[in-house]
Amino acid sequence: MSFIRMIYLALALWGAIHPMFWFVTWLRANDWSFGSLIDAWYVNASTTGLVWDLTIAAIALTIWIIAEVWVRKNWLALVAIPATFCIGVSCGLPLYLFLRTRPV
């Protein structure tokens, strides 16, 4: 495995574990209330802006993944879409780059 692929994989793992730690910590402190978590995302203009920033980035990444999978026929790369929306762009983007750079 190339050095750059190892970096992408490490970033994908970090992007999965680190944000999940904070989400789980918050959910445990708030009785696993996902509704309250979503409400907290819109508590002020700063967090609302961040939510929209990440949402737009996730949509752009999804369109890019679909467009490239259509051309390259790298169907495994579609795994990055649920990773993006279930975990976050911090996991989905490096995961996609890892899958995209695999030898054919």
Protein backbone atom coordinates (compact mmCIF):
# COMPACT_ATOMS: atom_id res chain seq x y z
CA MET A 1 0.00 0.00 0.00
CA SER A 2 1.35 3.42 -0.92
CA PHE A 3 2.17 6.04 1.68
CA ILE A 4 -0.60 8.39 0.49
CA ARG A 5 -3.19 5.59 0.76
CA MET A 6 -2.08 4.92 4.34
CA ILE A 7 -2.54 8.63 5.10
CA TYR A 8 -6.05 8.59 3.59
CA LEU A 9 -6.94 5.48 5.61
CA ALA A 10 -5.58 7.00 8.82
CA LEU A 11 -7.57 10.20 8.20
CA ALA A 12 -10.73 8.18 7.51
CA LEU A 13 -10.32 6.29 10.76
CA TRP A 14 -9.59 9.47 12.68
CA GLY A 15 -12.55 11.16 10.97
CA ALA A 16 -14.77 8.30 12.13
CA ILE A 17 -13.53 7.91 15.70
CA HIS A 18 -12.89 11.48 16.82
CA PRO A 19 -16.26 13.04 15.90
CA MET A 20 -18.12 9.94 17.15
CA PHE A 21 -16.42 10.30 20.53
CA TRP A 22 -17.88 13.80 20.90
CA PHE A 23 -21.32 12.80 19.59
CA VAL A 24 -21.53 9.81 21.94
CA THR A 25 -20.27 11.91 24.87
CA TRP A 26 -22.97 14.51 24.21
CA LEU A 27 -25.70 11.89 23.70
CA ARG A 28 -24.78 10.06 26.92
CA ALA A 29 -24.97 13.33 28.85
CA ASN A 30 -28.39 14.10 27.31
CA ASP A 31 -30.16 10.74 27.66
CA TRP A 32 -29.51 9.68 24.05
CA SER A 33 -31.86 12.31 22.72
CA PHE A 34 -31.20 12.66 18.99
CA GLY A 35 -33.83 15.38 18.76
CA SER A 36 -31.91 17.46 21.28
CA LEU A 37 -28.71 16.84 19.33
CA ILE A 38 -30.29 18.21 16.17
CA ASP A 39 -31.70 21.17 18.13
CA ALA A 40 -28.17 21.87 19.44
CA TRP A 41 -26.88 22.10 15.87
CA TYR A 42 -29.10 25.16 15.39
CA VAL A 43 -28.55 26.84 18.77
CA ASN A 44 -26.84 29.92 17.27
CA ALA A 45 -25.73 31.40 13.96
CA SER A 46 -22.25 29.88 14.25
CA THR A 47 -23.42 26.28 14.63
CA THR A 48 -26.14 26.75 12.01
CA GLY A 49 -23.51 28.02 9.56
CA LEU A 50 -21.29 25.04 10.32
CA VAL A 51 -24.17 22.60 9.80
CA TRP A 52 -24.95 24.14 6.41
CA ASP A 53 -21.27 24.23 5.46
CA LEU A 54 -20.89 20.51 6.17
CA THR A 55 -24.22 19.66 4.53
CA ILE A 56 -23.24 21.40 1.30
CA ALA A 57 -19.80 19.73 1.40
CA ALA A 58 -21.45 16.33 1.92
CA ILE A 59 -23.79 16.87 -1.03
CA ALA A 60 -20.90 18.00 -3.27
CA LEU A 61 -18.85 14.96 -2.21
CA THR A 62 -21.79 12.66 -2.94
CA ILE A 63 -22.25 14.10 -6.43
CA TRP A 64 -18.51 13.73 -7.09
CA ILE A 65 -18.51 10.11 -5.85
CA ILE A 66 -21.50 9.18 -8.01
CA ALA A 67 -20.02 10.89 -11.09
CA GLU A 68 -16.67 9.14 -10.69
CA VAL A 69 -18.18 5.75 -9.88
CA TRP A 70 -20.28 6.05 -13.03
CA VAL A 71 -17.12 6.56 -15.12
CA ARG A 72 -14.60 4.38 -13.26
CA LYS A 73 -17.00 1.56 -12.29
CA ASN A 74 -15.40 1.45 -8.84
CA TRP A 75 -18.59 0.34 -7.08
CA LEU A 76 -16.88 -0.18 -3.73
CA ALA A 77 -16.33 3.59 -3.54
CA LEU A 78 -20.08 4.03 -2.99
CA VAL A 79 -19.45 2.97 0.62
CA ALA A 80 -18.14 6.50 1.20
CA ILE A 81 -21.65 7.97 0.73
CA PRO A 82 -23.26 6.40 3.82
CA ALA A 83 -20.02 7.05 5.73
CA THR A 84 -20.35 10.72 4.81
CA PHE A 85 -23.96 11.08 5.95
CA CYS A 86 -23.85 8.72 8.96
CA ILE A 87 -20.46 9.78 10.33
CA GLY A 88 -19.41 12.94 8.53
CA VAL A 89 -17.37 14.50 5.76
CA SER A 90 -14.28 14.03 7.95
CA CYS A 91 -14.66 10.27 7.42
CA GLY A 92 -16.35 10.13 4.01
CA LEU A 93 -13.86 12.23 2.05
CA PRO A 94 -10.64 10.48 3.12
CA LEU A 95 -12.41 7.10 2.83
CA TYR A 96 -13.39 7.92 -0.74
CA LEU A 97 -9.86 9.07 -1.55
CA PHE A 98 -8.51 5.84 -0.06
CA LEU A 99 -10.88 3.74 -2.17
CA ARG A 100 -10.31 5.86 -5.27
CA THR A 101 -6.53 5.48 -5.19
CA ARG A 102 -6.47 1.70 -4.95
CA PRO A 103 -4.60 -0.09 -7.72
CA VAL A 104 -6.86 -1.30 -10.52
